[in-house]
Amino acid sequence: MIFAREASDNLVSLIKKIDAATVENSKKNMASFVCFLSDEKDAAEKLTDVAKKNDIKKCVFSLDNSPGPKGYGVAKEADVTVVLYNQRKVEANHAFRKGELNAAGIEKVLADIKKIVP
């Protein structure tokens, strides 16, 4: 589960890698989605373009308002929040401020996939 405020290059890189892991682990019931938090009127069109341009196969894209869905506690200062969970139990949580998501952060997220997919 990824919450994101904008589709930066590093976020798209993370989504592509999460999508590939989802495809690879689909027989183990791994699923993934990105919830973009935006109040922009053309946000849905932009997200559709991102998904098509990057050939996203399994990762579901969704859209919510900028504060995020109630009850999820998405930090206002987080540009990208990644929550890896299994059977409703959070196994890893990563939050990145604007500009903080980089290759090292992406690798940390990917390394934690083993916590949710045995």
PDB file of N, CA and C in Angstrom:
ATOM      1  N   MET A   1       0.862  -1.156   0.000  1.00  0.00           N
ATOM      2  CA  MET A   1       0.000   0.000   0.000  1.00  0.00           C
ATOM      3  C   MET A   1       0.916   1.228   0.000  1.00  0.00           C
ATOM      4  N   ILE A   2       0.735   2.054  -1.025  1.00  0.00           N
ATOM      5  CA  ILE A   2       1.540   3.261  -1.147  1.00  0.00           C
ATOM      6  C   ILE A   2       0.603   4.464  -1.186  1.00  0.00           C
ATOM      7  N   PHE A   3       0.887   5.463  -0.366  1.00  0.00           N
ATOM      8  CA  PHE A   3       0.204   6.748  -0.441  1.00  0.00           C
ATOM      9  C   PHE A   3       1.211   7.744  -0.982  1.00  0.00           C
ATOM     10  N   ALA A   4       0.818   8.505  -1.993  1.00  0.00           N
ATOM     11  CA  ALA A   4       1.753   9.443  -2.613  1.00  0.00           C
ATOM     12  C   ALA A   4       1.034  10.734  -2.970  1.00  0.00           C
ATOM     13  N   ARG A   5       1.771  11.825  -2.874  1.00  0.00           N
ATOM     14  CA  ARG A   5       1.190  13.131  -3.172  1.00  0.00           C
ATOM     15  C   ARG A   5       1.483  13.600  -4.595  1.00  0.00           C
ATOM     16  N   GLU A   6       2.550  13.082  -5.217  1.00  0.00           N
ATOM     17  CA  GLU A   6       2.837  13.426  -6.617  1.00  0.00           C
ATOM     18  C   GLU A   6       3.668  12.319  -7.254  1.00  0.00           C
ATOM     19  N   ALA A   7       3.589  12.226  -8.554  1.00  0.00           N
ATOM     20  CA  ALA A   7       4.262  11.145  -9.290  1.00  0.00           C
ATOM     21  C   ALA A   7       5.667  11.563  -9.711  1.00  0.00           C
ATOM     22  N   SER A   8       6.576  11.592  -8.766  1.00  0.00           N
ATOM     23  CA  SER A   8       7.972  11.921  -9.065  1.00  0.00           C
ATOM     24  C   SER A   8       8.638  10.751  -9.784  1.00  0.00           C
ATOM     25  N   ASP A   9       9.797  11.006 -10.363  1.00  0.00           N
ATOM     26  CA  ASP A   9      10.540   9.939 -11.043  1.00  0.00           C
ATOM     27  C   ASP A   9      10.871   8.790 -10.086  1.00  0.00           C
ATOM     28  N   ASN A  10      11.279   9.127  -8.859  1.00  0.00           N
ATOM     29  CA  ASN A  10      11.619   8.079  -7.894  1.00  0.00           C
ATOM     30  C   ASN A  10      10.377   7.289  -7.470  1.00  0.00           C
ATOM     31  N   LEU A  11       9.249   7.963  -7.348  1.00  0.00           N
ATOM     32  CA  LEU A  11       8.020   7.243  -7.018  1.00  0.00           C
ATOM     33  C   LEU A  11       7.655   6.286  -8.148  1.00  0.00           C
ATOM     34  N   VAL A  12       7.746   6.742  -9.373  1.00  0.00           N
ATOM     35  CA  VAL A  12       7.434   5.878 -10.516  1.00  0.00           C
ATOM     36  C   VAL A  12       8.381   4.679 -10.535  1.00  0.00           C
ATOM     37  N   SER A  13       9.650   4.910 -10.211  1.00  0.00           N
ATOM     38  CA  SER A  13      10.608   3.802 -10.135  1.00  0.00           C
ATOM     39  C   SER A  13      10.178   2.792  -9.067  1.00  0.00           C
ATOM     40  N   LEU A  14       9.767   3.290  -7.908  1.00  0.00           N
ATOM     41  CA  LEU A  14       9.288   2.404  -6.843  1.00  0.00           C
ATOM     42  C   LEU A  14       8.053   1.631  -7.297  1.00  0.00           C
ATOM     43  N   ILE A  15       7.108   2.313  -7.913  1.00  0.00           N
ATOM     44  CA  ILE A  15       5.875   1.656  -8.366  1.00  0.00           C
ATOM     45  C   ILE A  15       6.202   0.554  -9.367  1.00  0.00           C
ATOM     46  N   LYS A  16       7.093   0.821 -10.293  1.00  0.00           N
ATOM     47  CA  LYS A  16       7.456  -0.193 -11.284  1.00  0.00           C
ATOM     48  C   LYS A  16       8.061  -1.423 -10.619  1.00  0.00           C
ATOM     49  N   LYS A  17       8.887  -1.207  -9.601  1.00  0.00           N
ATOM     50  CA  LYS A  17       9.516  -2.336  -8.904  1.00  0.00           C
ATOM     51  C   LYS A  17       8.511  -3.082  -8.030  1.00  0.00           C
ATOM     52  N   ILE A  18       7.611  -2.361  -7.403  1.00  0.00           N
ATOM     53  CA  ILE A  18       6.552  -3.004  -6.619  1.00  0.00           C
ATOM     54  C   ILE A  18       5.629  -3.794  -7.546  1.00  0.00           C
ATOM     55  N   ASP A  19       5.329  -3.221  -8.709  1.00  0.00           N
ATOM     56  CA  ASP A  19       4.494  -3.913  -9.689  1.00  0.00           C
ATOM     57  C   ASP A  19       5.165  -5.214 -10.134  1.00  0.00           C
ATOM     58  N   ALA A  20       6.456  -5.167 -10.413  1.00  0.00           N
ATOM     59  CA  ALA A  20       7.183  -6.372 -10.825  1.00  0.00           C
ATOM     60  C   ALA A  20       7.164  -7.424  -9.713  1.00  0.00           C
ATOM     61  N   ALA A  21       7.338  -6.989  -8.469  1.00  0.00           N
ATOM     62  CA  ALA A  21       7.290  -7.927  -7.337  1.00  0.00           C
ATOM     63  C   ALA A  21       5.888  -8.522  -7.197  1.00  0.00           C
ATOM     64  N   THR A  22       4.876  -7.723  -7.457  1.00  0.00           N
ATOM     65  CA  THR A  22       3.495  -8.198  -7.383  1.00  0.00           C
ATOM     66  C   THR A  22       3.239  -9.252  -8.448  1.00  0.00           C
ATOM     67  N   VAL A  23       3.710  -9.009  -9.654  1.00  0.00           N
ATOM     68  CA  VAL A  23       3.575  -9.992 -10.728  1.00  0.00           C
ATOM     69  C   VAL A  23       4.301 -11.277 -10.336  1.00  0.00           C
ATOM     70  N   GLU A  24       5.537 -11.130  -9.858  1.00  0.00           N
ATOM     71  CA  GLU A  24       6.363 -12.286  -9.490  1.00  0.00           C
ATOM     72  C   GLU A  24       5.735 -13.103  -8.365  1.00  0.00           C
ATOM     73  N   ASN A  25       5.058 -12.431  -7.439  1.00  0.00           N
ATOM     74  CA  ASN A  25       4.501 -13.103  -6.259  1.00  0.00           C
ATOM     75  C   ASN A  25       2.982 -13.247  -6.303  1.00  0.00           C
ATOM     76  N   SER A  26       2.410 -13.146  -7.465  1.00  0.00           N
ATOM     77  CA  SER A  26       0.942 -13.207  -7.559  1.00  0.00           C
ATOM     78  C   SER A  26       0.393 -14.559  -7.100  1.00  0.00           C
ATOM     79  N   LYS A  27       1.139 -15.637  -7.289  1.00  0.00           N
ATOM     80  CA  LYS A  27       0.677 -16.951  -6.825  1.00  0.00           C
ATOM     81  C   LYS A  27       0.697 -17.049  -5.302  1.00  0.00           C
ATOM     82  N   LYS A  28       1.422 -16.132  -4.666  1.00  0.00           N
ATOM     83  CA  LYS A  28       1.451 -16.074  -3.203  1.00  0.00           C
ATOM     84  C   LYS A  28       0.470 -15.020  -2.688  1.00  0.00           C
ATOM     85  N   ASN A  29      -0.410 -14.571  -3.579  1.00  0.00           N
ATOM     86  CA  ASN A  29      -1.462 -13.609  -3.251  1.00  0.00           C
ATOM     87  C   ASN A  29      -0.957 -12.212  -2.903  1.00  0.00           C
ATOM     88  N   MET A  30       0.227 -11.849  -3.377  1.00  0.00           N
ATOM     89  CA  MET A  30       0.683 -10.479  -3.170  1.00  0.00           C
ATOM     90  C   MET A  30      -0.137  -9.556  -4.074  1.00  0.00           C
ATOM     91  N   ALA A  31      -0.559  -8.462  -3.509  1.00  0.00           N
ATOM     92  CA  ALA A  31      -1.265  -7.432  -4.259  1.00  0.00           C
ATOM     93  C   ALA A  31      -0.645  -6.087  -3.896  1.00  0.00           C
ATOM     94  N   SER A  32      -0.897  -5.076  -4.709  1.00  0.00           N
ATOM     95  CA  SER A  32      -0.355  -3.755  -4.422  1.00  0.00           C
ATOM     96  C   SER A  32      -1.267  -2.680  -4.982  1.00  0.00           C
ATOM     97  N   PHE A  33      -1.229  -1.529  -4.327  1.00  0.00           N
ATOM     98  CA  PHE A  33      -1.962  -0.382  -4.856  1.00  0.00           C
ATOM     99  C   PHE A  33      -1.292   0.907  -4.421  1.00  0.00           C
ATOM    100  N   VAL A  34      -1.531   1.928  -5.218  1.00  0.00           N
ATOM    101  CA  VAL A  34      -1.041   3.269  -4.922  1.00  0.00           C
ATOM    102  C   VAL A  34      -2.259   4.165  -4.806  1.00  0.00           C
ATOM    103  N   CYS A  35      -2.358   4.874  -3.708  1.00  0.00           N
ATOM    104  CA  CYS A  35      -3.422   5.841  -3.514  1.00  0.00           C
ATOM    105  C   CYS A  35      -2.790   7.227  -3.615  1.00  0.00           C
ATOM    106  N   PHE A  36      -3.089   7.918  -4.700  1.00  0.00           N
ATOM    107  CA  PHE A  36      -2.564   9.266  -4.884  1.00  0.00           C
ATOM    108  C   PHE A  36      -3.464  10.244  -4.136  1.00  0.00           C
ATOM    109  N   LEU A  37      -2.829  11.110  -3.359  1.00  0.00           N
ATOM    110  CA  LEU A  37      -3.548  12.074  -2.529  1.00  0.00           C
ATOM    111  C   LEU A  37      -3.447  13.437  -3.200  1.00  0.00           C
ATOM    112  N   SER A  38      -4.517  13.824  -3.858  1.00  0.00           N
ATOM    113  CA  SER A  38      -4.475  15.048  -4.646  1.00  0.00           C
ATOM    114  C   SER A  38      -5.859  15.650  -4.768  1.00  0.00           C
ATOM    115  N   ASP A  39      -5.900  16.977  -4.824  1.00  0.00           N
ATOM    116  CA  ASP A  39      -7.142  17.690  -5.057  1.00  0.00           C
ATOM    117  C   ASP A  39      -7.173  18.286  -6.465  1.00  0.00           C
ATOM    118  N   GLU A  40      -6.165  17.990  -7.285  1.00  0.00           N
ATOM    119  CA  GLU A  40      -6.112  18.518  -8.642  1.00  0.00           C
ATOM    120  C   GLU A  40      -7.241  17.930  -9.482  1.00  0.00           C
ATOM    121  N   LYS A  41      -7.849  18.762 -10.318  1.00  0.00           N
ATOM    122  CA  LYS A  41      -8.974  18.318 -11.146  1.00  0.00           C
ATOM    123  C   LYS A  41      -8.559  17.299 -12.195  1.00  0.00           C
ATOM    124  N   ASP A  42      -7.324  17.394 -12.694  1.00  0.00           N
ATOM    125  CA  ASP A  42      -6.874  16.477 -13.748  1.00  0.00           C
ATOM    126  C   ASP A  42      -6.020  15.335 -13.216  1.00  0.00           C
ATOM    127  N   ALA A  43      -6.084  15.090 -11.909  1.00  0.00           N
ATOM    128  CA  ALA A  43      -5.255  14.051 -11.292  1.00  0.00           C
ATOM    129  C   ALA A  43      -5.521  12.673 -11.885  1.00  0.00           C
ATOM    130  N   ALA A  44      -6.760  12.333 -12.112  1.00  0.00           N
ATOM    131  CA  ALA A  44      -7.091  11.002 -12.649  1.00  0.00           C
ATOM    132  C   ALA A  44      -6.465  10.798 -14.025  1.00  0.00           C
ATOM    133  N   GLU A  45      -6.523  11.809 -14.865  1.00  0.00           N
ATOM    134  CA  GLU A  45      -5.919  11.708 -16.201  1.00  0.00           C
ATOM    135  C   GLU A  45      -4.404  11.532 -16.103  1.00  0.00           C
ATOM    136  N   LYS A  46      -3.772  12.294 -15.215  1.00  0.00           N
ATOM    137  CA  LYS A  46      -2.322  12.182 -15.028  1.00  0.00           C
ATOM    138  C   LYS A  46      -1.939  10.776 -14.577  1.00  0.00           C
ATOM    139  N   LEU A  47      -2.708  10.216 -13.662  1.00  0.00           N
ATOM    140  CA  LEU A  47      -2.399   8.884 -13.139  1.00  0.00           C
ATOM    141  C   LEU A  47      -2.599   7.809 -14.195  1.00  0.00           C
ATOM    142  N   THR A  48      -3.625   7.965 -14.990  1.00  0.00           N
ATOM    143  CA  THR A  48      -3.849   7.026 -16.096  1.00  0.00           C
ATOM    144  C   THR A  48      -2.662   7.058 -17.043  1.00  0.00           C
ATOM    145  N   ASP A  49      -2.156   8.248 -17.322  1.00  0.00           N
ATOM    146  CA  ASP A  49      -0.986   8.389 -18.189  1.00  0.00           C
ATOM    147  C   ASP A  49       0.242   7.712 -17.587  1.00  0.00           C
ATOM    148  N   VAL A  50       0.453   7.892 -16.281  1.00  0.00           N
ATOM    149  CA  VAL A  50       1.595   7.266 -15.606  1.00  0.00           C
ATOM    150  C   VAL A  50       1.499   5.743 -15.721  1.00  0.00           C
ATOM    151  N   ALA A  51       0.329   5.192 -15.458  1.00  0.00           N
ATOM    152  CA  ALA A  51       0.143   3.734 -15.510  1.00  0.00           C
ATOM    153  C   ALA A  51       0.387   3.193 -16.915  1.00  0.00           C
ATOM    154  N   LYS A  52      -0.161   3.870 -17.917  1.00  0.00           N
ATOM    155  CA  LYS A  52       0.005   3.405 -19.300  1.00  0.00           C
ATOM    156  C   LYS A  52       1.445   3.561 -19.777  1.00  0.00           C
ATOM    157  N   LYS A  53       2.025   4.714 -19.515  1.00  0.00           N
ATOM    158  CA  LYS A  53       3.385   5.001 -19.972  1.00  0.00           C
ATOM    159  C   LYS A  53       4.400   4.010 -19.390  1.00  0.00           C
ATOM    160  N   ASN A  54       4.142   3.545 -18.182  1.00  0.00           N
ATOM    161  CA  ASN A  54       5.093   2.664 -17.498  1.00  0.00           C
ATOM    162  C   ASN A  54       4.671   1.200 -17.510  1.00  0.00           C
ATOM    163  N   ASP A  55       3.638   0.881 -18.266  1.00  0.00           N
ATOM    164  CA  ASP A  55       3.187  -0.497 -18.458  1.00  0.00           C
ATOM    165  C   ASP A  55       2.965  -1.219 -17.123  1.00  0.00           C
ATOM    166  N   ILE A  56       2.243  -0.557 -16.227  1.00  0.00           N
ATOM    167  CA  ILE A  56       1.936  -1.150 -14.923  1.00  0.00           C
ATOM    168  C   ILE A  56       0.926  -2.276 -15.132  1.00  0.00           C
ATOM    169  N   LYS A  57       1.254  -3.453 -14.621  1.00  0.00           N
ATOM    170  CA  LYS A  57       0.451  -4.639 -14.890  1.00  0.00           C
ATOM    171  C   LYS A  57      -0.522  -4.989 -13.762  1.00  0.00           C
ATOM    172  N   LYS A  58      -0.071  -4.972 -12.524  1.00  0.00           N
ATOM    173  CA  LYS A  58      -0.885  -5.467 -11.406  1.00  0.00           C
ATOM    174  C   LYS A  58      -1.192  -4.403 -10.355  1.00  0.00           C
ATOM    175  N   CYS A  59      -0.321  -3.439 -10.187  1.00  0.00           N
ATOM    176  CA  CYS A  59      -0.488  -2.427  -9.146  1.00  0.00           C
ATOM    177  C   CYS A  59      -1.685  -1.537  -9.498  1.00  0.00           C
ATOM    178  N   VAL A  60      -2.627  -1.442  -8.576  1.00  0.00           N
ATOM    179  CA  VAL A  60      -3.846  -0.676  -8.785  1.00  0.00           C
ATOM    180  C   VAL A  60      -3.595   0.780  -8.395  1.00  0.00           C
ATOM    181  N   PHE A  61      -4.083   1.692  -9.212  1.00  0.00           N
ATOM    182  CA  PHE A  61      -3.981   3.119  -8.924  1.00  0.00           C
ATOM    183  C   PHE A  61      -5.329   3.605  -8.419  1.00  0.00           C
ATOM    184  N   SER A  62      -5.322   4.419  -7.369  1.00  0.00           N
ATOM    185  CA  SER A  62      -6.546   5.019  -6.868  1.00  0.00           C
ATOM    186  C   SER A  62      -6.271   6.478  -6.515  1.00  0.00           C
ATOM    187  N   LEU A  63      -7.320   7.202  -6.226  1.00  0.00           N
ATOM    188  CA  LEU A  63      -7.215   8.637  -5.975  1.00  0.00           C
ATOM    189  C   LEU A  63      -8.067   8.990  -4.761  1.00  0.00           C
ATOM    190  N   ASP A  64      -7.514   9.820  -3.884  1.00  0.00           N
ATOM    191  CA  ASP A  64      -8.247  10.316  -2.721  1.00  0.00           C
ATOM    192  C   ASP A  64      -7.883  11.789  -2.555  1.00  0.00           C
ATOM    193  N   ASN A  65      -8.572  12.465  -1.653  1.00  0.00           N
ATOM    194  CA  ASN A  65      -8.246  13.876  -1.424  1.00  0.00           C
ATOM    195  C   ASN A  65      -6.904  14.018  -0.730  1.00  0.00           C
ATOM    196  N   SER A  66      -6.377  15.228  -0.701  1.00  0.00           N
ATOM    197  CA  SER A  66      -5.001  15.430  -0.222  1.00  0.00           C
ATOM    198  C   SER A  66      -4.730  15.010   1.220  1.00  0.00           C
ATOM    199  N   PRO A  67      -5.667  15.111   2.152  1.00  0.00           N
ATOM    200  CA  PRO A  67      -5.349  14.603   3.495  1.00  0.00           C
ATOM    201  C   PRO A  67      -5.215  13.086   3.563  1.00  0.00           C
ATOM    202  N   GLY A  68      -5.825  12.389   2.631  1.00  0.00           N
ATOM    203  CA  GLY A  68      -5.793  10.938   2.641  1.00  0.00           C
ATOM    204  C   GLY A  68      -7.025  10.357   3.291  1.00  0.00           C
ATOM    205  N   PRO A  69      -7.193   9.051   3.178  1.00  0.00           N
ATOM    206  CA  PRO A  69      -8.386   8.414   3.731  1.00  0.00           C
ATOM    207  C   PRO A  69      -8.415   8.484   5.256  1.00  0.00           C
ATOM    208  N   LYS A  70      -9.605   8.690   5.780  1.00  0.00           N
ATOM    209  CA  LYS A  70      -9.770   8.762   7.240  1.00  0.00           C
ATOM    210  C   LYS A  70      -9.381   7.446   7.875  1.00  0.00           C
ATOM    211  N   GLY A  71      -8.732   7.532   9.020  1.00  0.00           N
ATOM    212  CA  GLY A  71      -8.375   6.339   9.766  1.00  0.00           C
ATOM    213  C   GLY A  71      -7.022   5.743   9.413  1.00  0.00           C
ATOM    214  N   TYR A  72      -6.388   6.241   8.349  1.00  0.00           N
ATOM    215  CA  TYR A  72      -5.093   5.682   7.954  1.00  0.00           C
ATOM    216  C   TYR A  72      -3.922   6.459   8.533  1.00  0.00           C
ATOM    217  N   GLY A  73      -4.155   7.649   9.015  1.00  0.00           N
ATOM    218  CA  GLY A  73      -3.102   8.427   9.669  1.00  0.00           C
ATOM    219  C   GLY A  73      -1.916   8.755   8.775  1.00  0.00           C
ATOM    220  N   VAL A  74      -2.178   9.078   7.523  1.00  0.00           N
ATOM    221  CA  VAL A  74      -1.083   9.443   6.616  1.00  0.00           C
ATOM    222  C   VAL A  74      -0.541  10.797   7.066  1.00  0.00           C
ATOM    223  N   ALA A  75       0.753  10.828   7.378  1.00  0.00           N
ATOM    224  CA  ALA A  75       1.376  12.056   7.880  1.00  0.00           C
ATOM    225  C   ALA A  75       1.313  13.165   6.830  1.00  0.00           C
ATOM    226  N   LYS A  76       0.951  14.363   7.272  1.00  0.00           N
ATOM    227  CA  LYS A  76       0.862  15.515   6.365  1.00  0.00           C
ATOM    228  C   LYS A  76       2.199  15.831   5.717  1.00  0.00           C
ATOM    229  N   GLU A  77       3.274  15.627   6.469  1.00  0.00           N
ATOM    230  CA  GLU A  77       4.599  15.969   5.948  1.00  0.00           C
ATOM    231  C   GLU A  77       5.204  14.877   5.067  1.00  0.00           C
ATOM    232  N   ALA A  78       4.537  13.738   4.965  1.00  0.00           N
ATOM    233  CA  ALA A  78       5.044  12.641   4.134  1.00  0.00           C
ATOM    234  C   ALA A  78       4.582  12.829   2.689  1.00  0.00           C
ATOM    235  N   ASP A  79       5.536  12.795   1.771  1.00  0.00           N
ATOM    236  CA  ASP A  79       5.228  12.852   0.341  1.00  0.00           C
ATOM    237  C   ASP A  79       4.872  11.458  -0.158  1.00  0.00           C
ATOM    238  N   VAL A  80       5.561  10.446   0.380  1.00  0.00           N
ATOM    239  CA  VAL A  80       5.323   9.046   0.036  1.00  0.00           C
ATOM    240  C   VAL A  80       5.325   8.228   1.327  1.00  0.00           C
ATOM    241  N   THR A  81       4.299   7.431   1.504  1.00  0.00           N
ATOM    242  CA  THR A  81       4.211   6.503   2.635  1.00  0.00           C
ATOM    243  C   THR A  81       3.979   5.112   2.071  1.00  0.00           C
ATOM    244  N   VAL A  82       4.794   4.155   2.501  1.00  0.00           N
ATOM    245  CA  VAL A  82       4.663   2.776   2.044  1.00  0.00           C
ATOM    246  C   VAL A  82       4.388   1.906   3.271  1.00  0.00           C
ATOM    247  N   VAL A  83       3.304   1.158   3.215  1.00  0.00           N
ATOM    248  CA  VAL A  83       2.941   0.249   4.293  1.00  0.00           C
ATOM    249  C   VAL A  83       2.868  -1.156   3.702  1.00  0.00           C
ATOM    250  N   LEU A  84       3.668  -2.048   4.236  1.00  0.00           N
ATOM    251  CA  LEU A  84       3.656  -3.451   3.812  1.00  0.00           C
ATOM    252  C   LEU A  84       2.966  -4.244   4.916  1.00  0.00           C
ATOM    253  N   TYR A  85       1.905  -4.933   4.539  1.00  0.00           N
ATOM    254  CA  TYR A  85       1.142  -5.663   5.540  1.00  0.00           C
ATOM    255  C   TYR A  85       0.729  -7.037   5.027  1.00  0.00           C
ATOM    256  N   ASN A  86       0.444  -7.903   5.984  1.00  0.00           N
ATOM    257  CA  ASN A  86      -0.005  -9.257   5.682  1.00  0.00           C
ATOM    258  C   ASN A  86      -1.062  -9.622   6.709  1.00  0.00           C
ATOM    259  N   GLN A  87      -2.213 -10.093   6.225  1.00  0.00           N
ATOM    260  CA  GLN A  87      -3.306 -10.482   7.121  1.00  0.00           C
ATOM    261  C   GLN A  87      -3.667  -9.340   8.088  1.00  0.00           C
ATOM    262  N   ARG A  88      -3.710  -8.122   7.563  1.00  0.00           N
ATOM    263  CA  ARG A  88      -4.069  -6.913   8.326  1.00  0.00           C
ATOM    264  C   ARG A  88      -3.050  -6.524   9.387  1.00  0.00           C
ATOM    265  N   LYS A  89      -1.890  -7.131   9.373  1.00  0.00           N
ATOM    266  CA  LYS A  89      -0.832  -6.791  10.328  1.00  0.00           C
ATOM    267  C   LYS A  89       0.285  -6.064   9.574  1.00  0.00           C
ATOM    268  N   VAL A  90       0.609  -4.859  10.030  1.00  0.00           N
ATOM    269  CA  VAL A  90       1.678  -4.080   9.402  1.00  0.00           C
ATOM    270  C   VAL A  90       3.016  -4.718   9.738  1.00  0.00           C
ATOM    271  N   GLU A  91       3.766  -5.030   8.700  1.00  0.00           N
ATOM    272  CA  GLU A  91       5.087  -5.640   8.869  1.00  0.00           C
ATOM    273  C   GLU A  91       6.213  -4.630   8.638  1.00  0.00           C
ATOM    274  N   ALA A  92       5.944  -3.567   7.862  1.00  0.00           N
ATOM    275  CA  ALA A  92       6.942  -2.521   7.612  1.00  0.00           C
ATOM    276  C   ALA A  92       6.222  -1.250   7.208  1.00  0.00           C
ATOM    277  N   ASN A  93       6.788  -0.120   7.611  1.00  0.00           N
ATOM    278  CA  ASN A  93       6.214   1.173   7.301  1.00  0.00           C
ATOM    279  C   ASN A  93       7.361   2.130   6.970  1.00  0.00           C
ATOM    280  N   HIS A  94       7.275   2.768   5.824  1.00  0.00           N
ATOM    281  CA  HIS A  94       8.312   3.709   5.392  1.00  0.00           C
ATOM    282  C   HIS A  94       7.641   5.021   5.011  1.00  0.00           C
ATOM    283  N   ALA A  95       8.139   6.129   5.518  1.00  0.00           N
ATOM    284  CA  ALA A  95       7.604   7.445   5.153  1.00  0.00           C
ATOM    285  C   ALA A  95       8.757   8.316   4.671  1.00  0.00           C
ATOM    286  N   PHE A  96       8.512   9.040   3.597  1.00  0.00           N
ATOM    287  CA  PHE A  96       9.525   9.886   2.981  1.00  0.00           C
ATOM    288  C   PHE A  96       8.953  11.284   2.776  1.00  0.00           C
ATOM    289  N   ARG A  97       9.687  12.291   3.251  1.00  0.00           N
ATOM    290  CA  ARG A  97       9.298  13.672   2.960  1.00  0.00           C
ATOM    291  C   ARG A  97       9.598  13.972   1.501  1.00  0.00           C
ATOM    292  N   LYS A  98       9.091  15.084   1.021  1.00  0.00           N
ATOM    293  CA  LYS A  98       9.323  15.487  -0.364  1.00  0.00           C
ATOM    294  C   LYS A  98      10.822  15.501  -0.653  1.00  0.00           C
ATOM    295  N   GLY A  99      11.213  14.804  -1.691  1.00  0.00           N
ATOM    296  CA  GLY A  99      12.615  14.744  -2.099  1.00  0.00           C
ATOM    297  C   GLY A  99      13.443  13.679  -1.396  1.00  0.00           C
ATOM    298  N   GLU A 100      12.906  13.013  -0.389  1.00  0.00           N
ATOM    299  CA  GLU A 100      13.678  12.011   0.357  1.00  0.00           C
ATOM    300  C   GLU A 100      13.673  10.622  -0.275  1.00  0.00           C
ATOM    301  N   LEU A 101      12.657  10.303  -1.050  1.00  0.00           N
ATOM    302  CA  LEU A 101      12.621   8.981  -1.677  1.00  0.00           C
ATOM    303  C   LEU A 101      13.707   8.928  -2.747  1.00  0.00           C
ATOM    304  N   ASN A 102      14.650   8.020  -2.545  1.00  0.00           N
ATOM    305  CA  ASN A 102      15.766   7.863  -3.481  1.00  0.00           C
ATOM    306  C   ASN A 102      16.031   6.372  -3.677  1.00  0.00           C
ATOM    307  N   ALA A 103      17.076   6.054  -4.405  1.00  0.00           N
ATOM    308  CA  ALA A 103      17.395   4.655  -4.700  1.00  0.00           C
ATOM    309  C   ALA A 103      17.582   3.832  -3.419  1.00  0.00           C
ATOM    310  N   ALA A 104      18.247   4.396  -2.426  1.00  0.00           N
ATOM    311  CA  ALA A 104      18.470   3.666  -1.172  1.00  0.00           C
ATOM    312  C   ALA A 104      17.142   3.405  -0.460  1.00  0.00           C
ATOM    313  N   GLY A 105      16.255   4.385  -0.452  1.00  0.00           N
ATOM    314  CA  GLY A 105      14.941   4.207   0.162  1.00  0.00           C
ATOM    315  C   GLY A 105      14.119   3.153  -0.553  1.00  0.00           C
ATOM    316  N   ILE A 106      14.188   3.176  -1.874  1.00  0.00           N
ATOM    317  CA  ILE A 106      13.471   2.179  -2.673  1.00  0.00           C
ATOM    318  C   ILE A 106      13.984   0.782  -2.338  1.00  0.00           C
ATOM    319  N   GLU A 107      15.287   0.620  -2.229  1.00  0.00           N
ATOM    320  CA  GLU A 107      15.862  -0.684  -1.894  1.00  0.00           C
ATOM    321  C   GLU A 107      15.438  -1.153  -0.507  1.00  0.00           C
ATOM    322  N   LYS A 108      15.318  -0.218   0.452  1.00  0.00           N
ATOM    323  CA  LYS A 108      14.845  -0.594   1.793  1.00  0.00           C
ATOM    324  C   LYS A 108      13.412  -1.131   1.734  1.00  0.00           C
ATOM    325  N   VAL A 109      12.576  -0.457   0.963  1.00  0.00           N
ATOM    326  CA  VAL A 109      11.197  -0.915   0.813  1.00  0.00           C
ATOM    327  C   VAL A 109      11.179  -2.304   0.179  1.00  0.00           C
ATOM    328  N   LEU A 110      11.907  -2.472  -0.915  1.00  0.00           N
ATOM    329  CA  LEU A 110      11.926  -3.761  -1.605  1.00  0.00           C
ATOM    330  C   LEU A 110      12.469  -4.881  -0.728  1.00  0.00           C
ATOM    331  N   ALA A 111      13.459  -4.577   0.093  1.00  0.00           N
ATOM    332  CA  ALA A 111      14.026  -5.589   0.995  1.00  0.00           C
ATOM    333  C   ALA A 111      12.982  -6.067   2.014  1.00  0.00           C
ATOM    334  N   ASP A 112      12.048  -5.215   2.362  1.00  0.00           N
ATOM    335  CA  ASP A 112      11.034  -5.585   3.344  1.00  0.00           C
ATOM    336  C   ASP A 112       9.894  -6.418   2.761  1.00  0.00           C
ATOM    337  N   ILE A 113       9.860  -6.574   1.446  1.00  0.00           N
ATOM    338  CA  ILE A 113       8.810  -7.405   0.846  1.00  0.00           C
ATOM    339  C   ILE A 113       8.869  -8.825   1.398  1.00  0.00           C
ATOM    340  N   LYS A 114      10.060  -9.285   1.730  1.00  0.00           N
ATOM    341  CA  LYS A 114      10.186 -10.654   2.274  1.00  0.00           C
ATOM    342  C   LYS A 114       9.428 -10.798   3.607  1.00  0.00           C
ATOM    343  N   LYS A 115       9.117  -9.689   4.264  1.00  0.00           N
ATOM    344  CA  LYS A 115       8.338  -9.743   5.508  1.00  0.00           C
ATOM    345  C   LYS A 115       6.871 -10.065   5.256  1.00  0.00           C
ATOM    346  N   ILE A 116       6.404  -9.815   4.033  1.00  0.00           N
ATOM    347  CA  ILE A 116       4.998 -10.072   3.742  1.00  0.00           C
ATOM    348  C   ILE A 116       4.773 -11.232   2.764  1.00  0.00           C
ATOM    349  N   VAL A 117       5.823 -11.606   2.070  1.00  0.00           N
ATOM    350  CA  VAL A 117       5.733 -12.728   1.125  1.00  0.00           C
ATOM    351  C   VAL A 117       6.820 -13.721   1.484  1.00  0.00           C
ATOM    352  N   PRO A 118       6.427 -14.840   2.090  1.00  0.00           N
ATOM    353  CA  PRO A 118       7.450 -15.826   2.503  1.00  0.00           C
ATOM    354  C   PRO A 118       8.127 -16.506   1.325  1.00  0.00           C
TER     355      PRO A 118
END
